[in-house]
Amino acid sequence: MSCRVEEFEPMKRLAWYAYPTASAESRAYHAWIFTPSAKGTYIWTEETMQGPLWIEGAKKDPGVFWRTHEKLLSAIDLVALERGGVF
């Protein structure tokens, strides 16, 4: 997979395109929005996927993308807690 950062605003937003090598017709756009709060930082993530690779993946396992993002967010939370609330 190759990726290209499309948007970067430090401590506010990060977004990129991903192009899987397995399917030239497929791509994904993933954005992360960071919002400071009294308790730390809220992370909002959005993704759009286009092309046959993603469609077939969703047909095989409809919840796979949601679970992958939940695992990633949980891992980020764990790292932040291990660092005293700082990521």
PDB file of N, CA and C in Angstrom:
ATOM      1  N   MET A   1       0.847  -1.161   0.000  1.00  0.00           N
ATOM      2  CA  MET A   1       0.000   0.000   0.000  1.00  0.00           C
ATOM      3  C   MET A   1       0.899   1.231   0.000  1.00  0.00           C
ATOM      4  N   SER A   2       0.538   2.196  -0.790  1.00  0.00           N
ATOM      5  CA  SER A   2       1.241   3.475  -0.747  1.00  0.00           C
ATOM      6  C   SER A   2       0.271   4.529  -0.217  1.00  0.00           C
ATOM      7  N   CYS A   3       0.826   5.520   0.448  1.00  0.00           N
ATOM      8  CA  CYS A   3       0.010   6.576   1.056  1.00  0.00           C
ATOM      9  C   CYS A   3       0.571   7.942   0.691  1.00  0.00           C
ATOM     10  N   ARG A   4      -0.321   8.926   0.701  1.00  0.00           N
ATOM     11  CA  ARG A   4       0.091  10.309   0.441  1.00  0.00           C
ATOM     12  C   ARG A   4      -0.670  11.209   1.408  1.00  0.00           C
ATOM     13  N   VAL A   5       0.069  11.961   2.221  1.00  0.00           N
ATOM     14  CA  VAL A   5      -0.569  12.905   3.139  1.00  0.00           C
ATOM     15  C   VAL A   5      -1.182  14.027   2.319  1.00  0.00           C
ATOM     16  N   GLU A   6      -2.441  14.297   2.574  1.00  0.00           N
ATOM     17  CA  GLU A   6      -3.188  15.306   1.823  1.00  0.00           C
ATOM     18  C   GLU A   6      -3.433  16.562   2.654  1.00  0.00           C
ATOM     19  N   GLU A   7      -3.630  16.386   3.959  1.00  0.00           N
ATOM     20  CA  GLU A   7      -3.888  17.512   4.857  1.00  0.00           C
ATOM     21  C   GLU A   7      -3.073  17.330   6.132  1.00  0.00           C
ATOM     22  N   PHE A   8      -2.504  18.434   6.625  1.00  0.00           N
ATOM     23  CA  PHE A   8      -1.789  18.381   7.894  1.00  0.00           C
ATOM     24  C   PHE A   8      -1.864  19.740   8.567  1.00  0.00           C
ATOM     25  N   GLU A   9      -2.547  19.782   9.690  1.00  0.00           N
ATOM     26  CA  GLU A   9      -2.592  20.951  10.559  1.00  0.00           C
ATOM     27  C   GLU A   9      -2.182  20.454  11.934  1.00  0.00           C
ATOM     28  N   PRO A  10      -0.973  20.787  12.405  1.00  0.00           N
ATOM     29  CA  PRO A  10      -0.491  20.241  13.673  1.00  0.00           C
ATOM     30  C   PRO A  10      -1.510  20.383  14.801  1.00  0.00           C
ATOM     31  N   MET A  11      -1.722  19.273  15.491  1.00  0.00           N
ATOM     32  CA  MET A  11      -2.633  19.189  16.638  1.00  0.00           C
ATOM     33  C   MET A  11      -4.091  19.468  16.282  1.00  0.00           C
ATOM     34  N   LYS A  12      -4.424  19.491  14.986  1.00  0.00           N
ATOM     35  CA  LYS A  12      -5.809  19.721  14.562  1.00  0.00           C
ATOM     36  C   LYS A  12      -6.321  18.653  13.604  1.00  0.00           C
ATOM     37  N   ARG A  13      -5.550  18.372  12.547  1.00  0.00           N
ATOM     38  CA  ARG A  13      -6.073  17.495  11.501  1.00  0.00           C
ATOM     39  C   ARG A  13      -4.930  16.822  10.737  1.00  0.00           C
ATOM     40  N   LEU A  14      -5.170  15.557  10.394  1.00  0.00           N
ATOM     41  CA  LEU A  14      -4.259  14.789   9.557  1.00  0.00           C
ATOM     42  C   LEU A  14      -5.119  13.929   8.638  1.00  0.00           C
ATOM     43  N   ALA A  15      -4.837  13.968   7.348  1.00  0.00           N
ATOM     44  CA  ALA A  15      -5.617  13.165   6.403  1.00  0.00           C
ATOM     45  C   ALA A  15      -4.700  12.692   5.280  1.00  0.00           C
ATOM     46  N   TRP A  16      -4.999  11.499   4.781  1.00  0.00           N
ATOM     47  CA  TRP A  16      -4.181  10.947   3.707  1.00  0.00           C
ATOM     48  C   TRP A  16      -4.999  10.054   2.792  1.00  0.00           C
ATOM     49  N   TYR A  17      -4.461   9.868   1.599  1.00  0.00           N
ATOM     50  CA  TYR A  17      -4.981   8.885   0.648  1.00  0.00           C
ATOM     51  C   TYR A  17      -4.152   7.618   0.792  1.00  0.00           C
ATOM     52  N   ALA A  18      -4.791   6.483   0.654  1.00  0.00           N
ATOM     53  CA  ALA A  18      -4.105   5.195   0.630  1.00  0.00           C
ATOM     54  C   ALA A  18      -4.476   4.484  -0.664  1.00  0.00           C
ATOM     55  N   TYR A  19      -3.469   3.925  -1.296  1.00  0.00           N
ATOM     56  CA  TYR A  19      -3.651   3.222  -2.563  1.00  0.00           C
ATOM     57  C   TYR A  19      -3.113   1.802  -2.411  1.00  0.00           C
ATOM     58  N   PRO A  20      -3.997   0.804  -2.302  1.00  0.00           N
ATOM     59  CA  PRO A  20      -3.514  -0.570  -2.132  1.00  0.00           C
ATOM     60  C   PRO A  20      -2.865  -1.096  -3.412  1.00  0.00           C
ATOM     61  N   THR A  21      -1.758  -1.779  -3.253  1.00  0.00           N
ATOM     62  CA  THR A  21      -1.069  -2.329  -4.424  1.00  0.00           C
ATOM     63  C   THR A  21      -1.863  -3.471  -5.055  1.00  0.00           C
ATOM     64  N   ALA A  22      -2.764  -4.089  -4.289  1.00  0.00           N
ATOM     65  CA  ALA A  22      -3.549  -5.218  -4.805  1.00  0.00           C
ATOM     66  C   ALA A  22      -4.657  -4.799  -5.762  1.00  0.00           C
ATOM     67  N   SER A  23      -4.975  -3.493  -5.818  1.00  0.00           N
ATOM     68  CA  SER A  23      -6.077  -3.047  -6.677  1.00  0.00           C
ATOM     69  C   SER A  23      -5.846  -1.603  -7.112  1.00  0.00           C
ATOM     70  N   ALA A  24      -5.454  -1.430  -8.353  1.00  0.00           N
ATOM     71  CA  ALA A  24      -5.195  -0.083  -8.868  1.00  0.00           C
ATOM     72  C   ALA A  24      -6.456   0.773  -8.907  1.00  0.00           C
ATOM     73  N   GLU A  25      -7.634   0.137  -8.917  1.00  0.00           N
ATOM     74  CA  GLU A  25      -8.900   0.877  -8.992  1.00  0.00           C
ATOM     75  C   GLU A  25      -9.413   1.299  -7.611  1.00  0.00           C
ATOM     76  N   SER A  26      -8.749   0.868  -6.558  1.00  0.00           N
ATOM     77  CA  SER A  26      -9.237   1.129  -5.200  1.00  0.00           C
ATOM     78  C   SER A  26      -8.394   2.199  -4.517  1.00  0.00           C
ATOM     79  N   ARG A  27      -9.057   2.955  -3.636  1.00  0.00           N
ATOM     80  CA  ARG A  27      -8.347   3.950  -2.839  1.00  0.00           C
ATOM     81  C   ARG A  27      -9.178   4.242  -1.594  1.00  0.00           C
ATOM     82  N   ALA A  28      -8.521   4.842  -0.624  1.00  0.00           N
ATOM     83  CA  ALA A  28      -9.197   5.229   0.612  1.00  0.00           C
ATOM     84  C   ALA A  28      -8.707   6.610   1.015  1.00  0.00           C
ATOM     85  N   TYR A  29      -9.567   7.364   1.663  1.00  0.00           N
ATOM     86  CA  TYR A  29      -9.195   8.673   2.208  1.00  0.00           C
ATOM     87  C   TYR A  29      -9.533   8.635   3.687  1.00  0.00           C
ATOM     88  N   HIS A  30      -8.541   8.883   4.517  1.00  0.00           N
ATOM     89  CA  HIS A  30      -8.711   8.757   5.961  1.00  0.00           C
ATOM     90  C   HIS A  30      -8.322  10.074   6.626  1.00  0.00           C
ATOM     91  N   ALA A  31      -9.224  10.595   7.449  1.00  0.00           N
ATOM     92  CA  ALA A  31      -8.974  11.859   8.152  1.00  0.00           C
ATOM     93  C   ALA A  31      -9.065  11.651   9.657  1.00  0.00           C
ATOM     94  N   TRP A  32      -8.199  12.341  10.363  1.00  0.00           N
ATOM     95  CA  TRP A  32      -8.201  12.358  11.824  1.00  0.00           C
ATOM     96  C   TRP A  32      -8.357  13.806  12.262  1.00  0.00           C
ATOM     97  N   ILE A  33      -9.296  14.061  13.159  1.00  0.00           N
ATOM     98  CA  ILE A  33      -9.520  15.405  13.685  1.00  0.00           C
ATOM     99  C   ILE A  33      -9.238  15.347  15.183  1.00  0.00           C
ATOM    100  N   PHE A  34      -8.373  16.231  15.665  1.00  0.00           N
ATOM    101  CA  PHE A  34      -7.972  16.267  17.072  1.00  0.00           C
ATOM    102  C   PHE A  34      -8.558  17.510  17.731  1.00  0.00           C
ATOM    103  N   THR A  35      -9.270  17.317  18.843  1.00  0.00           N
ATOM    104  CA  THR A  35      -9.899  18.428  19.550  1.00  0.00           C
ATOM    105  C   THR A  35      -9.473  18.389  21.014  1.00  0.00           C
ATOM    106  N   PRO A  36      -8.718  19.404  21.468  1.00  0.00           N
ATOM    107  CA  PRO A  36      -8.328  19.442  22.879  1.00  0.00           C
ATOM    108  C   PRO A  36      -9.556  19.574  23.777  1.00  0.00           C
ATOM    109  N   SER A  37      -9.475  18.961  24.949  1.00  0.00           N
ATOM    110  CA  SER A  37     -10.546  19.078  25.937  1.00  0.00           C
ATOM    111  C   SER A  37      -9.914  19.159  27.325  1.00  0.00           C
ATOM    112  N   ALA A  38     -10.724  19.393  28.322  1.00  0.00           N
ATOM    113  CA  ALA A  38     -10.223  19.471  29.692  1.00  0.00           C
ATOM    114  C   ALA A  38      -9.620  18.138  30.141  1.00  0.00           C
ATOM    115  N   LYS A  39     -10.064  17.048  29.558  1.00  0.00           N
ATOM    116  CA  LYS A  39      -9.592  15.714  29.940  1.00  0.00           C
ATOM    117  C   LYS A  39      -8.485  15.186  29.034  1.00  0.00           C
ATOM    118  N   GLY A  40      -8.110  15.909  28.014  1.00  0.00           N
ATOM    119  CA  GLY A  40      -7.089  15.441  27.076  1.00  0.00           C
ATOM    120  C   GLY A  40      -7.420  15.857  25.666  1.00  0.00           C
ATOM    121  N   THR A  41      -7.467  14.906  24.771  1.00  0.00           N
ATOM    122  CA  THR A  41      -7.761  15.187  23.369  1.00  0.00           C
ATOM    123  C   THR A  41      -8.783  14.187  22.847  1.00  0.00           C
ATOM    124  N   TYR A  42      -9.816  14.702  22.211  1.00  0.00           N
ATOM    125  CA  TYR A  42     -10.769  13.841  21.520  1.00  0.00           C
ATOM    126  C   TYR A  42     -10.241  13.582  20.118  1.00  0.00           C
ATOM    127  N   ILE A  43     -10.394  12.351  19.663  1.00  0.00           N
ATOM    128  CA  ILE A  43      -9.976  11.988  18.308  1.00  0.00           C
ATOM    129  C   ILE A  43     -11.207  11.530  17.547  1.00  0.00           C
ATOM    130  N   TRP A  44     -11.436  12.164  16.419  1.00  0.00           N
ATOM    131  CA  TRP A  44     -12.529  11.788  15.520  1.00  0.00           C
ATOM    132  C   TRP A  44     -11.875  11.294  14.244  1.00  0.00           C
ATOM    133  N   THR A  45     -12.298  10.148  13.761  1.00  0.00           N
ATOM    134  CA  THR A  45     -11.721   9.616  12.536  1.00  0.00           C
ATOM    135  C   THR A  45     -12.829   9.311  11.537  1.00  0.00           C
ATOM    136  N   GLU A  46     -12.579   9.646  10.305  1.00  0.00           N
ATOM    137  CA  GLU A  46     -13.522   9.375   9.220  1.00  0.00           C
ATOM    138  C   GLU A  46     -12.751   8.780   8.052  1.00  0.00           C
ATOM    139  N   GLU A  47     -13.407   7.874   7.350  1.00  0.00           N
ATOM    140  CA  GLU A  47     -12.750   7.266   6.201  1.00  0.00           C
ATOM    141  C   GLU A  47     -13.777   6.978   5.119  1.00  0.00           C
ATOM    142  N   THR A  48     -13.355   7.186   3.898  1.00  0.00           N
ATOM    143  CA  THR A  48     -14.173   6.789   2.757  1.00  0.00           C
ATOM    144  C   THR A  48     -13.318   5.879   1.886  1.00  0.00           C
ATOM    145  N   MET A  49     -13.934   4.842   1.390  1.00  0.00           N
ATOM    146  CA  MET A  49     -13.215   3.870   0.573  1.00  0.00           C
ATOM    147  C   MET A  49     -13.962   3.673  -0.730  1.00  0.00           C
ATOM    148  N   GLN A  50     -13.202   3.578  -1.799  1.00  0.00           N
ATOM    149  CA  GLN A  50     -13.794   3.386  -3.119  1.00  0.00           C
ATOM    150  C   GLN A  50     -13.040   2.284  -3.847  1.00  0.00           C
ATOM    151  N   GLY A  51     -13.774   1.478  -4.578  1.00  0.00           N
ATOM    152  CA  GLY A  51     -13.137   0.474  -5.417  1.00  0.00           C
ATOM    153  C   GLY A  51     -13.436  -0.950  -5.002  1.00  0.00           C
ATOM    154  N   PRO A  52     -13.131  -1.882  -5.897  1.00  0.00           N
ATOM    155  CA  PRO A  52     -13.509  -3.281  -5.709  1.00  0.00           C
ATOM    156  C   PRO A  52     -12.849  -3.964  -4.512  1.00  0.00           C
ATOM    157  N   LEU A  53     -11.633  -3.598  -4.173  1.00  0.00           N
ATOM    158  CA  LEU A  53     -10.962  -4.243  -3.041  1.00  0.00           C
ATOM    159  C   LEU A  53     -11.752  -4.037  -1.751  1.00  0.00           C
ATOM    160  N   TRP A  54     -12.192  -2.812  -1.514  1.00  0.00           N
ATOM    161  CA  TRP A  54     -12.931  -2.489  -0.289  1.00  0.00           C
ATOM    162  C   TRP A  54     -14.342  -3.089  -0.318  1.00  0.00           C
ATOM    163  N   ILE A  55     -14.961  -3.087  -1.479  1.00  0.00           N
ATOM    164  CA  ILE A  55     -16.312  -3.654  -1.596  1.00  0.00           C
ATOM    165  C   ILE A  55     -16.281  -5.145  -1.272  1.00  0.00           C
ATOM    166  N   GLU A  56     -15.319  -5.853  -1.835  1.00  0.00           N
ATOM    167  CA  GLU A  56     -15.209  -7.293  -1.567  1.00  0.00           C
ATOM    168  C   GLU A  56     -14.900  -7.552  -0.096  1.00  0.00           C
ATOM    169  N   GLY A  57     -14.025  -6.740   0.488  1.00  0.00           N
ATOM    170  CA  GLY A  57     -13.709  -6.899   1.909  1.00  0.00           C
ATOM    171  C   GLY A  57     -14.930  -6.713   2.788  1.00  0.00           C
ATOM    172  N   ALA A  58     -15.744  -5.717   2.473  1.00  0.00           N
ATOM    173  CA  ALA A  58     -16.957  -5.452   3.250  1.00  0.00           C
ATOM    174  C   ALA A  58     -17.993  -6.558   3.065  1.00  0.00           C
ATOM    175  N   LYS A  59     -18.050  -7.137   1.877  1.00  0.00           N
ATOM    176  CA  LYS A  59     -18.983  -8.252   1.651  1.00  0.00           C
ATOM    177  C   LYS A  59     -18.585  -9.475   2.477  1.00  0.00           C
ATOM    178  N   LYS A  60     -17.287  -9.738   2.557  1.00  0.00           N
ATOM    179  CA  LYS A  60     -16.803 -10.893   3.313  1.00  0.00           C
ATOM    180  C   LYS A  60     -16.989 -10.705   4.816  1.00  0.00           C
ATOM    181  N   ASP A  61     -16.782  -9.475   5.284  1.00  0.00           N
ATOM    182  CA  ASP A  61     -16.868  -9.192   6.721  1.00  0.00           C
ATOM    183  C   ASP A  61     -17.345  -7.754   6.904  1.00  0.00           C
ATOM    184  N   PRO A  62     -18.657  -7.545   7.000  1.00  0.00           N
ATOM    185  CA  PRO A  62     -19.219  -6.186   7.051  1.00  0.00           C
ATOM    186  C   PRO A  62     -18.673  -5.296   8.172  1.00  0.00           C
ATOM    187  N   GLY A  63     -18.208  -5.862   9.268  1.00  0.00           N
ATOM    188  CA  GLY A  63     -17.730  -5.042  10.385  1.00  0.00           C
ATOM    189  C   GLY A  63     -16.229  -4.868  10.443  1.00  0.00           C
ATOM    190  N   VAL A  64     -15.508  -5.369   9.451  1.00  0.00           N
ATOM    191  CA  VAL A  64     -14.047  -5.384   9.525  1.00  0.00           C
ATOM    192  C   VAL A  64     -13.441  -3.981   9.640  1.00  0.00           C
ATOM    193  N   PHE A  65     -13.935  -3.025   8.909  1.00  0.00           N
ATOM    194  CA  PHE A  65     -13.333  -1.691   8.942  1.00  0.00           C
ATOM    195  C   PHE A  65     -13.630  -1.000  10.269  1.00  0.00           C
ATOM    196  N   TRP A  66     -14.844  -1.154  10.773  1.00  0.00           N
ATOM    197  CA  TRP A  66     -15.203  -0.569  12.064  1.00  0.00           C
ATOM    198  C   TRP A  66     -14.326  -1.163  13.167  1.00  0.00           C
ATOM    199  N   ARG A  67     -14.181  -2.488  13.189  1.00  0.00           N
ATOM    200  CA  ARG A  67     -13.366  -3.142  14.220  1.00  0.00           C
ATOM    201  C   ARG A  67     -11.907  -2.714  14.132  1.00  0.00           C
ATOM    202  N   THR A  68     -11.394  -2.580  12.924  1.00  0.00           N
ATOM    203  CA  THR A  68     -10.007  -2.152  12.750  1.00  0.00           C
ATOM    204  C   THR A  68      -9.794  -0.771  13.347  1.00  0.00           C
ATOM    205  N   HIS A  69     -10.721   0.147  13.101  1.00  0.00           N
ATOM    206  CA  HIS A  69     -10.593   1.494  13.663  1.00  0.00           C
ATOM    207  C   HIS A  69     -10.729   1.481  15.181  1.00  0.00           C
ATOM    208  N   GLU A  70     -11.638   0.672  15.713  1.00  0.00           N
ATOM    209  CA  GLU A  70     -11.793   0.573  17.167  1.00  0.00           C
ATOM    210  C   GLU A  70     -10.511   0.055  17.816  1.00  0.00           C
ATOM    211  N   LYS A  71      -9.874  -0.944  17.202  1.00  0.00           N
ATOM    212  CA  LYS A  71      -8.613  -1.471  17.731  1.00  0.00           C
ATOM    213  C   LYS A  71      -7.526  -0.403  17.704  1.00  0.00           C
ATOM    214  N   LEU A  72      -7.455   0.345  16.621  1.00  0.00           N
ATOM    215  CA  LEU A  72      -6.454   1.395  16.503  1.00  0.00           C
ATOM    216  C   LEU A  72      -6.678   2.479  17.552  1.00  0.00           C
ATOM    217  N   LEU A  73      -7.913   2.928  17.725  1.00  0.00           N
ATOM    218  CA  LEU A  73      -8.208   3.952  18.726  1.00  0.00           C
ATOM    219  C   LEU A  73      -7.916   3.444  20.139  1.00  0.00           C
ATOM    220  N   SER A  74      -8.202   2.192  20.412  1.00  0.00           N
ATOM    221  CA  SER A  74      -7.891   1.615  21.725  1.00  0.00           C
ATOM    222  C   SER A  74      -6.385   1.571  21.958  1.00  0.00           C
ATOM    223  N   ALA A  75      -5.624   1.241  20.919  1.00  0.00           N
ATOM    224  CA  ALA A  75      -4.166   1.212  21.034  1.00  0.00           C
ATOM    225  C   ALA A  75      -3.612   2.610  21.294  1.00  0.00           C
ATOM    226  N   ILE A  76      -4.156   3.621  20.632  1.00  0.00           N
ATOM    227  CA  ILE A  76      -3.731   5.006  20.868  1.00  0.00           C
ATOM    228  C   ILE A  76      -4.043   5.407  22.301  1.00  0.00           C
ATOM    229  N   ASP A  77      -5.226   5.046  22.791  1.00  0.00           N
ATOM    230  CA  ASP A  77      -5.622   5.349  24.165  1.00  0.00           C
ATOM    231  C   ASP A  77      -4.663   4.701  25.158  1.00  0.00           C
ATOM    232  N   LEU A  78      -4.292   3.459  24.925  1.00  0.00           N
ATOM    233  CA  LEU A  78      -3.379   2.746  25.809  1.00  0.00           C
ATOM    234  C   LEU A  78      -2.013   3.426  25.859  1.00  0.00           C
ATOM    235  N   VAL A  79      -1.487   3.810  24.710  1.00  0.00           N
ATOM    236  CA  VAL A  79      -0.197   4.503  24.666  1.00  0.00           C
ATOM    237  C   VAL A  79      -0.281   5.817  25.435  1.00  0.00           C
ATOM    238  N   ALA A  80      -1.364   6.553  25.251  1.00  0.00           N
ATOM    239  CA  ALA A  80      -1.534   7.824  25.963  1.00  0.00           C
ATOM    240  C   ALA A  80      -1.571   7.595  27.474  1.00  0.00           C
ATOM    241  N   LEU A  81      -2.283   6.585  27.924  1.00  0.00           N
ATOM    242  CA  LEU A  81      -2.348   6.288  29.360  1.00  0.00           C
ATOM    243  C   LEU A  81      -0.982   5.891  29.908  1.00  0.00           C
ATOM    244  N   GLU A  82      -0.240   5.095  29.143  1.00  0.00           N
ATOM    245  CA  GLU A  82       1.106   4.691  29.564  1.00  0.00           C
ATOM    246  C   GLU A  82       2.048   5.883  29.660  1.00  0.00           C
ATOM    247  N   ARG A  83       1.787   6.914  28.899  1.00  0.00           N
ATOM    248  CA  ARG A  83       2.629   8.120  28.905  1.00  0.00           C
ATOM    249  C   ARG A  83       2.070   9.202  29.825  1.00  0.00           C
ATOM    250  N   GLY A  84       1.170   8.836  30.684  1.00  0.00           N
ATOM    251  CA  GLY A  84       0.608   9.807  31.618  1.00  0.00           C
ATOM    252  C   GLY A  84      -0.440  10.702  30.993  1.00  0.00           C
ATOM    253  N   GLY A  85      -1.130  10.197  30.003  1.00  0.00           N
ATOM    254  CA  GLY A  85      -2.194  10.969  29.362  1.00  0.00           C
ATOM    255  C   GLY A  85      -1.730  11.800  28.186  1.00  0.00           C
ATOM    256  N   VAL A  86      -0.470  11.633  27.781  1.00  0.00           N
ATOM    257  CA  VAL A  86       0.066  12.424  26.665  1.00  0.00           C
ATOM    258  C   VAL A  86       0.386  11.493  25.514  1.00  0.00           C
ATOM    259  N   PHE A  87      -0.112  11.839  24.339  1.00  0.00           N
ATOM    260  CA  PHE A  87       0.188  11.032  23.156  1.00  0.00           C
ATOM    261  C   PHE A  87       1.044  11.829  22.219  1.00  0.00           C
TER     262      PHE A  87
END
